[in-house]
Amino acid sequence: MKLAIKAPTTTTMSTQAREAIVDQLRACKTKEQVLAFDARFNLEANVGPLYQVICGFLHDRTISPALAAKWLKTLLDDRETQLHALSNH
């Protein structure tokens, strides 16, 4: 029997860690800055992909729906662009 090891969730993250992530995202003023943070976060963090963390913040009401939508739209638009580019090759 395999034991599943789960990554920490937003509810198990410390308040300081959650606030630091939100502060860093809020500091991103351009799409490029959000995407750079996403890439760095996904490499360095052990809590899952950034989009899941943002969804967790939204679920926990840590951030406003408008703010979550802004960040998630940026991430999703980038993913769509990447998929479109791959399908054209």
PDB file of N, CA and C in Angstrom:
ATOM      1  N   MET A   1       0.841  -1.171   0.000  1.00  0.00           N
ATOM      2  CA  MET A   1       0.000   0.000   0.000  1.00  0.00           C
ATOM      3  C   MET A   1       0.891   1.240   0.000  1.00  0.00           C
ATOM      4  N   LYS A   2       0.613   2.158  -0.932  1.00  0.00           N
ATOM      5  CA  LYS A   2       1.376   3.397  -1.019  1.00  0.00           C
ATOM      6  C   LYS A   2       0.753   4.447  -0.119  1.00  0.00           C
ATOM      7  N   LEU A   3       1.609   5.189   0.540  1.00  0.00           N
ATOM      8  CA  LEU A   3       1.135   6.315   1.330  1.00  0.00           C
ATOM      9  C   LEU A   3       1.210   7.567   0.470  1.00  0.00           C
ATOM     10  N   ALA A   4       0.119   8.273   0.421  1.00  0.00           N
ATOM     11  CA  ALA A   4       0.105   9.518  -0.344  1.00  0.00           C
ATOM     12  C   ALA A   4       0.649  10.641   0.528  1.00  0.00           C
ATOM     13  N   ILE A   5       1.627  11.330   0.008  1.00  0.00           N
ATOM     14  CA  ILE A   5       2.181  12.475   0.728  1.00  0.00           C
ATOM     15  C   ILE A   5       1.601  13.715   0.089  1.00  0.00           C
ATOM     16  N   LYS A   6       0.839  14.429   0.878  1.00  0.00           N
ATOM     17  CA  LYS A   6       0.192  15.622   0.355  1.00  0.00           C
ATOM     18  C   LYS A   6       1.029  16.853   0.641  1.00  0.00           C
ATOM     19  N   ALA A   7       1.083  17.735  -0.340  1.00  0.00           N
ATOM     20  CA  ALA A   7       1.750  19.023  -0.149  1.00  0.00           C
ATOM     21  C   ALA A   7       0.892  19.868   0.777  1.00  0.00           C
ATOM     22  N   PRO A   8       1.510  20.794   1.475  1.00  0.00           N
ATOM     23  CA  PRO A   8       0.729  21.674   2.340  1.00  0.00           C
ATOM     24  C   PRO A   8      -0.317  22.437   1.531  1.00  0.00           C
ATOM     25  N   THR A   9      -1.428  22.726   2.151  1.00  0.00           N
ATOM     26  CA  THR A   9      -2.473  23.500   1.496  1.00  0.00           C
ATOM     27  C   THR A   9      -2.448  24.907   2.047  1.00  0.00           C
ATOM     28  N   THR A  10      -3.259  25.779   1.442  1.00  0.00           N
ATOM     29  CA  THR A  10      -3.285  27.159   1.912  1.00  0.00           C
ATOM     30  C   THR A  10      -3.768  27.247   3.350  1.00  0.00           C
ATOM     31  N   THR A  11      -4.602  26.309   3.780  1.00  0.00           N
ATOM     32  CA  THR A  11      -5.089  26.360   5.155  1.00  0.00           C
ATOM     33  C   THR A  11      -4.031  25.905   6.147  1.00  0.00           C
ATOM     34  N   THR A  12      -3.050  25.128   5.696  1.00  0.00           N
ATOM     35  CA  THR A  12      -1.983  24.699   6.603  1.00  0.00           C
ATOM     36  C   THR A  12      -0.772  25.623   6.548  1.00  0.00           C
ATOM     37  N   MET A  13      -0.793  26.564   5.611  1.00  0.00           N
ATOM     38  CA  MET A  13       0.300  27.538   5.527  1.00  0.00           C
ATOM     39  C   MET A  13       0.164  28.524   6.671  1.00  0.00           C
ATOM     40  N   SER A  14       1.278  29.032   7.121  1.00  0.00           N
ATOM     41  CA  SER A  14       1.228  30.042   8.170  1.00  0.00           C
ATOM     42  C   SER A  14       0.613  31.322   7.605  1.00  0.00           C
ATOM     43  N   THR A  15       0.057  32.101   8.488  1.00  0.00           N
ATOM     44  CA  THR A  15      -0.519  33.381   8.080  1.00  0.00           C
ATOM     45  C   THR A  15       0.547  34.242   7.421  1.00  0.00           C
ATOM     46  N   GLN A  16       1.752  34.209   7.959  1.00  0.00           N
ATOM     47  CA  GLN A  16       2.851  34.992   7.386  1.00  0.00           C
ATOM     48  C   GLN A  16       3.168  34.548   5.963  1.00  0.00           C
ATOM     49  N   ALA A  17       3.167  33.255   5.720  1.00  0.00           N
ATOM     50  CA  ALA A  17       3.460  32.735   4.387  1.00  0.00           C
ATOM     51  C   ALA A  17       2.371  33.154   3.402  1.00  0.00           C
ATOM     52  N   ARG A  18       1.117  33.033   3.817  1.00  0.00           N
ATOM     53  CA  ARG A  18       0.004  33.441   2.951  1.00  0.00           C
ATOM     54  C   ARG A  18       0.089  34.928   2.635  1.00  0.00           C
ATOM     55  N   GLU A  19       0.328  35.730   3.660  1.00  0.00           N
ATOM     56  CA  GLU A  19       0.422  37.180   3.463  1.00  0.00           C
ATOM     57  C   GLU A  19       1.596  37.547   2.562  1.00  0.00           C
ATOM     58  N   ALA A  20       2.702  36.843   2.703  1.00  0.00           N
ATOM     59  CA  ALA A  20       3.873  37.117   1.866  1.00  0.00           C
ATOM     60  C   ALA A  20       3.576  36.834   0.400  1.00  0.00           C
ATOM     61  N   ILE A  21       2.888  35.732   0.125  1.00  0.00           N
ATOM     62  CA  ILE A  21       2.538  35.393  -1.253  1.00  0.00           C
ATOM     63  C   ILE A  21       1.604  36.449  -1.834  1.00  0.00           C
ATOM     64  N   VAL A  22       0.578  36.818  -1.074  1.00  0.00           N
ATOM     65  CA  VAL A  22      -0.369  37.830  -1.545  1.00  0.00           C
ATOM     66  C   VAL A  22       0.346  39.166  -1.767  1.00  0.00           C
ATOM     67  N   ASP A  23       1.208  39.540  -0.850  1.00  0.00           N
ATOM     68  CA  ASP A  23       1.954  40.798  -0.998  1.00  0.00           C
ATOM     69  C   ASP A  23       2.822  40.784  -2.250  1.00  0.00           C
ATOM     70  N   GLN A  24       3.474  39.648  -2.501  1.00  0.00           N
ATOM     71  CA  GLN A  24       4.333  39.555  -3.686  1.00  0.00           C
ATOM     72  C   GLN A  24       3.504  39.620  -4.965  1.00  0.00           C
ATOM     73  N   LEU A  25       2.338  38.986  -4.953  1.00  0.00           N
ATOM     74  CA  LEU A  25       1.459  39.072  -6.125  1.00  0.00           C
ATOM     75  C   LEU A  25       0.938  40.491  -6.318  1.00  0.00           C
ATOM     76  N   ARG A  26       0.556  41.135  -5.229  1.00  0.00           N
ATOM     77  CA  ARG A  26       0.056  42.514  -5.336  1.00  0.00           C
ATOM     78  C   ARG A  26       1.138  43.459  -5.851  1.00  0.00           C
ATOM     79  N   ALA A  27       2.386  43.156  -5.582  1.00  0.00           N
ATOM     80  CA  ALA A  27       3.496  43.991  -6.049  1.00  0.00           C
ATOM     81  C   ALA A  27       3.713  43.862  -7.560  1.00  0.00           C
ATOM     82  N   CYS A  28       3.171  42.812  -8.149  1.00  0.00           N
ATOM     83  CA  CYS A  28       3.299  42.608  -9.596  1.00  0.00           C
ATOM     84  C   CYS A  28       2.354  43.568 -10.313  1.00  0.00           C
ATOM     85  N   LYS A  29       2.919  44.470 -11.086  1.00  0.00           N
ATOM     86  CA  LYS A  29       2.119  45.487 -11.776  1.00  0.00           C
ATOM     87  C   LYS A  29       1.852  45.148 -13.236  1.00  0.00           C
ATOM     88  N   THR A  30       2.609  44.209 -13.784  1.00  0.00           N
ATOM     89  CA  THR A  30       2.431  43.848 -15.189  1.00  0.00           C
ATOM     90  C   THR A  30       2.181  42.349 -15.309  1.00  0.00           C
ATOM     91  N   LYS A  31       1.676  41.976 -16.459  1.00  0.00           N
ATOM     92  CA  LYS A  31       1.451  40.564 -16.764  1.00  0.00           C
ATOM     93  C   LYS A  31       2.767  39.796 -16.674  1.00  0.00           C
ATOM     94  N   GLU A  32       3.828  40.395 -17.195  1.00  0.00           N
ATOM     95  CA  GLU A  32       5.137  39.745 -17.188  1.00  0.00           C
ATOM     96  C   GLU A  32       5.627  39.489 -15.769  1.00  0.00           C
ATOM     97  N   GLN A  33       5.362  40.420 -14.858  1.00  0.00           N
ATOM     98  CA  GLN A  33       5.768  40.244 -13.462  1.00  0.00           C
ATOM     99  C   GLN A  33       4.984  39.112 -12.802  1.00  0.00           C
ATOM    100  N   VAL A  34       3.698  39.023 -13.094  1.00  0.00           N
ATOM    101  CA  VAL A  34       2.876  37.930 -12.544  1.00  0.00           C
ATOM    102  C   VAL A  34       3.389  36.595 -13.062  1.00  0.00           C
ATOM    103  N   LEU A  35       3.673  36.534 -14.364  1.00  0.00           N
ATOM    104  CA  LEU A  35       4.150  35.279 -14.953  1.00  0.00           C
ATOM    105  C   LEU A  35       5.534  34.891 -14.433  1.00  0.00           C
ATOM    106  N   ALA A  36       6.387  35.879 -14.204  1.00  0.00           N
ATOM    107  CA  ALA A  36       7.714  35.599 -13.633  1.00  0.00           C
ATOM    108  C   ALA A  36       7.569  35.079 -12.202  1.00  0.00           C
ATOM    109  N   PHE A  37       6.663  35.685 -11.436  1.00  0.00           N
ATOM    110  CA  PHE A  37       6.429  35.201 -10.075  1.00  0.00           C
ATOM    111  C   PHE A  37       5.876  33.780 -10.112  1.00  0.00           C
ATOM    112  N   ASP A  38       4.952  33.521 -11.032  1.00  0.00           N
ATOM    113  CA  ASP A  38       4.371  32.182 -11.183  1.00  0.00           C
ATOM    114  C   ASP A  38       5.469  31.152 -11.443  1.00  0.00           C
ATOM    115  N   ALA A  39       6.366  31.447 -12.368  1.00  0.00           N
ATOM    116  CA  ALA A  39       7.438  30.510 -12.698  1.00  0.00           C
ATOM    117  C   ALA A  39       8.339  30.269 -11.493  1.00  0.00           C
ATOM    118  N   ARG A  40       8.713  31.340 -10.821  1.00  0.00           N
ATOM    119  CA  ARG A  40       9.590  31.226  -9.643  1.00  0.00           C
ATOM    120  C   ARG A  40       8.882  30.472  -8.517  1.00  0.00           C
ATOM    121  N   PHE A  41       7.633  30.815  -8.270  1.00  0.00           N
ATOM    122  CA  PHE A  41       6.861  30.181  -7.205  1.00  0.00           C
ATOM    123  C   PHE A  41       6.732  28.678  -7.450  1.00  0.00           C
ATOM    124  N   ASN A  42       6.406  28.316  -8.678  1.00  0.00           N
ATOM    125  CA  ASN A  42       6.201  26.901  -8.992  1.00  0.00           C
ATOM    126  C   ASN A  42       7.478  26.086  -8.875  1.00  0.00           C
ATOM    127  N   LEU A  43       8.628  26.731  -9.053  1.00  0.00           N
ATOM    128  CA  LEU A  43       9.905  26.036  -8.884  1.00  0.00           C
ATOM    129  C   LEU A  43      10.318  25.932  -7.421  1.00  0.00           C
ATOM    130  N   GLU A  44      10.058  26.968  -6.649  1.00  0.00           N
ATOM    131  CA  GLU A  44      10.590  27.063  -5.288  1.00  0.00           C
ATOM    132  C   GLU A  44       9.631  26.599  -4.194  1.00  0.00           C
ATOM    133  N   ALA A  45       8.357  26.785  -4.394  1.00  0.00           N
ATOM    134  CA  ALA A  45       7.389  26.498  -3.333  1.00  0.00           C
ATOM    135  C   ALA A  45       7.033  25.018  -3.297  1.00  0.00           C
ATOM    136  N   ASN A  46       6.635  24.577  -2.137  1.00  0.00           N
ATOM    137  CA  ASN A  46       6.235  23.190  -1.959  1.00  0.00           C
ATOM    138  C   ASN A  46       4.759  23.111  -1.553  1.00  0.00           C
ATOM    139  N   VAL A  47       3.951  23.955  -2.163  1.00  0.00           N
ATOM    140  CA  VAL A  47       2.527  23.977  -1.808  1.00  0.00           C
ATOM    141  C   VAL A  47       1.633  23.770  -3.022  1.00  0.00           C
ATOM    142  N   GLY A  48       2.222  23.402  -4.141  1.00  0.00           N
ATOM    143  CA  GLY A  48       1.444  23.199  -5.347  1.00  0.00           C
ATOM    144  C   GLY A  48       1.591  24.380  -6.282  1.00  0.00           C
ATOM    145  N   PRO A  49       0.988  24.273  -7.454  1.00  0.00           N
ATOM    146  CA  PRO A  49       1.093  25.360  -8.416  1.00  0.00           C
ATOM    147  C   PRO A  49       0.405  26.631  -7.903  1.00  0.00           C
ATOM    148  N   LEU A  50       0.881  27.761  -8.381  1.00  0.00           N
ATOM    149  CA  LEU A  50       0.360  29.048  -7.920  1.00  0.00           C
ATOM    150  C   LEU A  50      -1.136  29.173  -8.147  1.00  0.00           C
ATOM    151  N   TYR A  51      -1.641  28.665  -9.284  1.00  0.00           N
ATOM    152  CA  TYR A  51      -3.071  28.810  -9.534  1.00  0.00           C
ATOM    153  C   TYR A  51      -3.900  28.097  -8.459  1.00  0.00           C
ATOM    154  N   GLN A  52      -3.414  26.975  -7.950  1.00  0.00           N
ATOM    155  CA  GLN A  52      -4.133  26.272  -6.882  1.00  0.00           C
ATOM    156  C   GLN A  52      -4.077  27.062  -5.585  1.00  0.00           C
ATOM    157  N   VAL A  53      -2.951  27.696  -5.326  1.00  0.00           N
ATOM    158  CA  VAL A  53      -2.808  28.512  -4.122  1.00  0.00           C
ATOM    159  C   VAL A  53      -3.767  29.696  -4.195  1.00  0.00           C
ATOM    160  N   ILE A  54      -3.834  30.338  -5.363  1.00  0.00           N
ATOM    161  CA  ILE A  54      -4.762  31.462  -5.541  1.00  0.00           C
ATOM    162  C   ILE A  54      -6.196  31.000  -5.341  1.00  0.00           C
ATOM    163  N   CYS A  55      -6.552  29.843  -5.884  1.00  0.00           N
ATOM    164  CA  CYS A  55      -7.905  29.299  -5.682  1.00  0.00           C
ATOM    165  C   CYS A  55      -8.163  29.024  -4.204  1.00  0.00           C
ATOM    166  N   GLY A  56      -7.156  28.519  -3.505  1.00  0.00           N
ATOM    167  CA  GLY A  56      -7.296  28.290  -2.067  1.00  0.00           C
ATOM    168  C   GLY A  56      -7.508  29.589  -1.320  1.00  0.00           C
ATOM    169  N   PHE A  57      -6.764  30.633  -1.698  1.00  0.00           N
ATOM    170  CA  PHE A  57      -6.957  31.943  -1.077  1.00  0.00           C
ATOM    171  C   PHE A  57      -8.373  32.451  -1.333  1.00  0.00           C
ATOM    172  N   LEU A  58      -8.843  32.247  -2.537  1.00  0.00           N
ATOM    173  CA  LEU A  58     -10.198  32.671  -2.887  1.00  0.00           C
ATOM    174  C   LEU A  58     -11.224  31.905  -2.060  1.00  0.00           C
ATOM    175  N   HIS A  59     -11.034  30.610  -1.952  1.00  0.00           N
ATOM    176  CA  HIS A  59     -11.942  29.772  -1.156  1.00  0.00           C
ATOM    177  C   HIS A  59     -11.955  30.189   0.304  1.00  0.00           C
ATOM    178  N   ASP A  60     -10.749  30.484   0.828  1.00  0.00           N
ATOM    179  CA  ASP A  60     -10.626  30.864   2.239  1.00  0.00           C
ATOM    180  C   ASP A  60     -10.966  32.329   2.489  1.00  0.00           C
ATOM    181  N   ARG A  61     -11.294  33.029   1.420  1.00  0.00           N
ATOM    182  CA  ARG A  61     -11.613  34.471   1.483  1.00  0.00           C
ATOM    183  C   ARG A  61     -10.429  35.309   1.964  1.00  0.00           C
ATOM    184  N   THR A  62      -9.241  34.859   1.612  1.00  0.00           N
ATOM    185  CA  THR A  62      -8.033  35.597   1.928  1.00  0.00           C
ATOM    186  C   THR A  62      -7.868  36.784   0.991  1.00  0.00           C
ATOM    187  N   ILE A  63      -8.372  36.635  -0.240  1.00  0.00           N
ATOM    188  CA  ILE A  63      -8.307  37.697  -1.244  1.00  0.00           C
ATOM    189  C   ILE A  63      -9.684  37.908  -1.851  1.00  0.00           C
ATOM    190  N   SER A  64      -9.853  39.038  -2.492  1.00  0.00           N
ATOM    191  CA  SER A  64     -11.144  39.345  -3.116  1.00  0.00           C
ATOM    192  C   SER A  64     -11.314  38.555  -4.414  1.00  0.00           C
ATOM    193  N   PRO A  65     -12.554  38.298  -4.798  1.00  0.00           N
ATOM    194  CA  PRO A  65     -12.801  37.618  -6.072  1.00  0.00           C
ATOM    195  C   PRO A  65     -12.215  38.391  -7.256  1.00  0.00           C
ATOM    196  N   ALA A  66     -12.275  39.711  -7.205  1.00  0.00           N
ATOM    197  CA  ALA A  66     -11.739  40.513  -8.311  1.00  0.00           C
ATOM    198  C   ALA A  66     -10.237  40.335  -8.444  1.00  0.00           C
ATOM    199  N   LEU A  67      -9.537  40.314  -7.327  1.00  0.00           N
ATOM    200  CA  LEU A  67      -8.088  40.134  -7.347  1.00  0.00           C
ATOM    201  C   LEU A  67      -7.728  38.734  -7.828  1.00  0.00           C
ATOM    202  N   ALA A  68      -8.426  37.731  -7.330  1.00  0.00           N
ATOM    203  CA  ALA A  68      -8.183  36.351  -7.771  1.00  0.00           C
ATOM    204  C   ALA A  68      -8.445  36.226  -9.268  1.00  0.00           C
ATOM    205  N   ALA A  69      -9.523  36.832  -9.736  1.00  0.00           N
ATOM    206  CA  ALA A  69      -9.859  36.757 -11.161  1.00  0.00           C
ATOM    207  C   ALA A  69      -8.769  37.394 -12.005  1.00  0.00           C
ATOM    208  N   LYS A  70      -8.246  38.514 -11.561  1.00  0.00           N
ATOM    209  CA  LYS A  70      -7.182  39.206 -12.295  1.00  0.00           C
ATOM    210  C   LYS A  70      -5.957  38.302 -12.442  1.00  0.00           C
ATOM    211  N   TRP A  71      -5.510  37.716 -11.334  1.00  0.00           N
ATOM    212  CA  TRP A  71      -4.329  36.864 -11.370  1.00  0.00           C
ATOM    213  C   TRP A  71      -4.575  35.587 -12.155  1.00  0.00           C
ATOM    214  N   LEU A  72      -5.734  34.956 -11.922  1.00  0.00           N
ATOM    215  CA  LEU A  72      -6.036  33.705 -12.621  1.00  0.00           C
ATOM    216  C   LEU A  72      -6.203  33.932 -14.117  1.00  0.00           C
ATOM    217  N   LYS A  73      -6.803  35.053 -14.512  1.00  0.00           N
ATOM    218  CA  LYS A  73      -6.948  35.356 -15.934  1.00  0.00           C
ATOM    219  C   LYS A  73      -5.580  35.496 -16.584  1.00  0.00           C
ATOM    220  N   THR A  74      -4.660  36.156 -15.908  1.00  0.00           N
ATOM    221  CA  THR A  74      -3.298  36.304 -16.445  1.00  0.00           C
ATOM    222  C   THR A  74      -2.661  34.929 -16.646  1.00  0.00           C
ATOM    223  N   LEU A  75      -2.775  34.066 -15.638  1.00  0.00           N
ATOM    224  CA  LEU A  75      -2.179  32.729 -15.734  1.00  0.00           C
ATOM    225  C   LEU A  75      -2.852  31.890 -16.817  1.00  0.00           C
ATOM    226  N   LEU A  76      -4.175  31.950 -16.886  1.00  0.00           N
ATOM    227  CA  LEU A  76      -4.907  31.159 -17.885  1.00  0.00           C
ATOM    228  C   LEU A  76      -4.666  31.665 -19.300  1.00  0.00           C
ATOM    229  N   ASP A  77      -4.623  32.981 -19.479  1.00  0.00           N
ATOM    230  CA  ASP A  77      -4.339  33.525 -20.807  1.00  0.00           C
ATOM    231  C   ASP A  77      -2.965  33.077 -21.289  1.00  0.00           C
ATOM    232  N   ASP A  78      -1.993  33.061 -20.387  1.00  0.00           N
ATOM    233  CA  ASP A  78      -0.658  32.602 -20.749  1.00  0.00           C
ATOM    234  C   ASP A  78      -0.672  31.130 -21.134  1.00  0.00           C
ATOM    235  N   ARG A  79      -1.392  30.318 -20.381  1.00  0.00           N
ATOM    236  CA  ARG A  79      -1.471  28.886 -20.705  1.00  0.00           C
ATOM    237  C   ARG A  79      -2.126  28.687 -22.074  1.00  0.00           C
ATOM    238  N   GLU A  80      -3.176  29.460 -22.355  1.00  0.00           N
ATOM    239  CA  GLU A  80      -3.843  29.364 -23.656  1.00  0.00           C
ATOM    240  C   GLU A  80      -2.891  29.745 -24.788  1.00  0.00           C
ATOM    241  N   THR A  81      -2.112  30.787 -24.585  1.00  0.00           N
ATOM    242  CA  THR A  81      -1.140  31.219 -25.585  1.00  0.00           C
ATOM    243  C   THR A  81      -0.113  30.120 -25.835  1.00  0.00           C
ATOM    244  N   GLN A  82       0.361  29.501 -24.747  1.00  0.00           N
ATOM    245  CA  GLN A  82       1.334  28.415 -24.887  1.00  0.00           C
ATOM    246  C   GLN A  82       0.738  27.229 -25.640  1.00  0.00           C
ATOM    247  N   LEU A  83      -0.499  26.857 -25.294  1.00  0.00           N
ATOM    248  CA  LEU A  83      -1.157  25.734 -25.975  1.00  0.00           C
ATOM    249  C   LEU A  83      -1.396  26.037 -27.450  1.00  0.00           C
ATOM    250  N   HIS A  84      -1.808  27.253 -27.725  1.00  0.00           N
ATOM    251  CA  HIS A  84      -2.051  27.655 -29.120  1.00  0.00           C
ATOM    252  C   HIS A  84      -0.746  27.592 -29.916  1.00  0.00           C
ATOM    253  N   ALA A  85       0.339  28.059 -29.327  1.00  0.00           N
ATOM    254  CA  ALA A  85       1.634  28.027 -29.998  1.00  0.00           C
ATOM    255  C   ALA A  85       2.061  26.582 -30.269  1.00  0.00           C
ATOM    256  N   LEU A  86       1.832  25.704 -29.311  1.00  0.00           N
ATOM    257  CA  LEU A  86       2.195  24.286 -29.505  1.00  0.00           C
ATOM    258  C   LEU A  86       1.360  23.620 -30.576  1.00  0.00           C
ATOM    259  N   SER A  87       0.090  23.969 -30.658  1.00  0.00           N
ATOM    260  CA  SER A  87      -0.783  23.336 -31.638  1.00  0.00           C
ATOM    261  C   SER A  87      -0.505  23.820 -33.053  1.00  0.00           C
ATOM    262  N   ASN A  88       0.170  24.957 -33.198  1.00  0.00           N
ATOM    263  CA  ASN A  88       0.515  25.475 -34.518  1.00  0.00           C
ATOM    264  C   ASN A  88       1.822  24.925 -35.053  1.00  0.00           C
ATOM    265  N   HIS A  89       2.517  24.134 -34.253  1.00  0.00           N
ATOM    266  CA  HIS A  89       3.796  23.570 -34.719  1.00  0.00           C
ATOM    267  C   HIS A  89       3.634  22.179 -35.221  1.00  0.00           C
TER     268      HIS A  89
END
